[in-house]
Amino acid sequence: MADSEKKWYFDMSTGEVSQGKKDSWGSRMGPYDSAEEASHALEIAKARNKAADAQDAADEDWGK
């Protein structure tokens, strides 16, 4: 089994978690190391976006 088939993915269109690349890339989030982690894909993405936005804001203030 390829490494990508051992990973877990979240399908945004159905809300289902699956192991391996079974869904199209357009609605698939991942890879994640566990089904539990994949089930929280939306929360993880939200937290990462918030951190990136904070970093962007900090970069905009650099040197002021």
C-alpha atoms as a PDB file:
ATOM      1  CA  MET A   1       0.000   0.000   0.000  1.00  0.00           C
ATOM      2  CA  ALA A   2       1.410   3.395  -0.978  1.00  0.00           C
ATOM      3  CA  ASP A   3       1.922   5.972   1.762  1.00  0.00           C
ATOM      4  CA  SER A   4      -0.883   8.134   0.330  1.00  0.00           C
ATOM      5  CA  GLU A   5      -3.253   5.169   0.670  1.00  0.00           C
ATOM      6  CA  LYS A   6      -2.402   4.872   4.385  1.00  0.00           C
ATOM      7  CA  LYS A   7      -3.299   8.516   5.058  1.00  0.00           C
ATOM      8  CA  TRP A   8      -6.744   9.849   5.925  1.00  0.00           C
ATOM      9  CA  TYR A   9      -8.770  12.447   4.003  1.00  0.00           C
ATOM     10  CA  PHE A  10     -11.863  14.555   4.597  1.00  0.00           C
ATOM     11  CA  ASP A  11     -14.404  14.975   1.772  1.00  0.00           C
ATOM     12  CA  MET A  12     -15.888  18.467   1.998  1.00  0.00           C
ATOM     13  CA  SER A  13     -18.839  17.591  -0.245  1.00  0.00           C
ATOM     14  CA  THR A  14     -20.034  14.655   1.872  1.00  0.00           C
ATOM     15  CA  GLY A  15     -18.430  15.349   5.265  1.00  0.00           C
ATOM     16  CA  GLU A  16     -17.027  11.811   5.284  1.00  0.00           C
ATOM     17  CA  VAL A  17     -13.576  10.658   6.309  1.00  0.00           C
ATOM     18  CA  SER A  18     -11.877   7.961   4.263  1.00  0.00           C
ATOM     19  CA  GLN A  19      -8.521   6.256   4.087  1.00  0.00           C
ATOM     20  CA  GLY A  20      -6.732   6.694   0.777  1.00  0.00           C
ATOM     21  CA  LYS A  21      -7.412   9.042  -2.128  1.00  0.00           C
ATOM     22  CA  LYS A  22     -10.951   7.909  -2.979  1.00  0.00           C
ATOM     23  CA  ASP A  23     -12.492  11.313  -3.680  1.00  0.00           C
ATOM     24  CA  SER A  24     -11.645  13.945  -6.269  1.00  0.00           C
ATOM     25  CA  TRP A  25      -8.944  16.427  -5.305  1.00  0.00           C
ATOM     26  CA  GLY A  26     -11.422  19.310  -5.617  1.00  0.00           C
ATOM     27  CA  SER A  27     -13.345  18.296  -2.500  1.00  0.00           C
ATOM     28  CA  ARG A  28     -10.626  16.417  -0.605  1.00  0.00           C
ATOM     29  CA  MET A  29      -8.700  17.807   2.364  1.00  0.00           C
ATOM     30  CA  GLY A  30      -5.630  16.059   3.654  1.00  0.00           C
ATOM     31  CA  PRO A  31      -3.643  14.002   4.060  1.00  0.00           C
ATOM     32  CA  TYR A  32      -3.939  13.470   7.793  1.00  0.00           C
ATOM     33  CA  ASP A  33      -2.278  10.815   9.935  1.00  0.00           C
ATOM     34  CA  SER A  34      -5.482   9.554  11.564  1.00  0.00           C
ATOM     35  CA  ALA A  35      -9.213   9.382  10.992  1.00  0.00           C
ATOM     36  CA  GLU A  36      -9.685  11.521  14.116  1.00  0.00           C
ATOM     37  CA  GLU A  37      -7.433  14.248  12.730  1.00  0.00           C
ATOM     38  CA  ALA A  38      -9.173  14.119   9.326  1.00  0.00           C
ATOM     39  CA  SER A  39     -12.569  14.483  11.014  1.00  0.00           C
ATOM     40  CA  HIS A  40     -11.386  17.876  12.309  1.00  0.00           C
ATOM     41  CA  ALA A  41     -10.101  19.073   8.915  1.00  0.00           C
ATOM     42  CA  LEU A  42     -12.320  22.159   8.805  1.00  0.00           C
ATOM     43  CA  GLU A  43     -11.319  23.265  12.299  1.00  0.00           C
ATOM     44  CA  ILE A  44      -7.640  22.677  11.488  1.00  0.00           C
ATOM     45  CA  ALA A  45      -7.936  24.729   8.290  1.00  0.00           C
ATOM     46  CA  LYS A  46      -9.720  27.536  10.165  1.00  0.00           C
ATOM     47  CA  ALA A  47      -6.969  27.656  12.802  1.00  0.00           C
ATOM     48  CA  ARG A  48      -4.231  27.632  10.155  1.00  0.00           C
ATOM     49  CA  ASN A  49      -5.938  30.439   8.241  1.00  0.00           C
ATOM     50  CA  LYS A  50      -6.262  32.495  11.428  1.00  0.00           C
ATOM     51  CA  ALA A  51      -2.553  32.010  12.172  1.00  0.00           C
ATOM     52  CA  ALA A  52      -1.610  32.940   8.591  1.00  0.00           C
ATOM     53  CA  ASP A  53      -3.792  36.063   8.756  1.00  0.00           C
ATOM     54  CA  ALA A  54      -2.109  37.064  12.022  1.00  0.00           C
ATOM     55  CA  GLN A  55       1.312  36.569  10.440  1.00  0.00           C
ATOM     56  CA  ASP A  56       0.275  38.659   7.425  1.00  0.00           C
ATOM     57  CA  ALA A  57      -0.875  41.450   9.746  1.00  0.00           C
ATOM     58  CA  ALA A  58       2.403  41.303  11.655  1.00  0.00           C
ATOM     59  CA  ASP A  59       4.357  41.426   8.377  1.00  0.00           C
ATOM     60  CA  GLU A  60       2.415  44.504   7.280  1.00  0.00           C
ATOM     61  CA  ASP A  61       3.435  46.276  10.505  1.00  0.00           C
ATOM     62  CA  TRP A  62       7.107  45.349  10.148  1.00  0.00           C
ATOM     63  CA  GLY A  63       9.418  48.311  10.385  1.00  0.00           C
ATOM     64  CA  LYS A  64       6.780  50.800  11.537  1.00  0.00           C
END
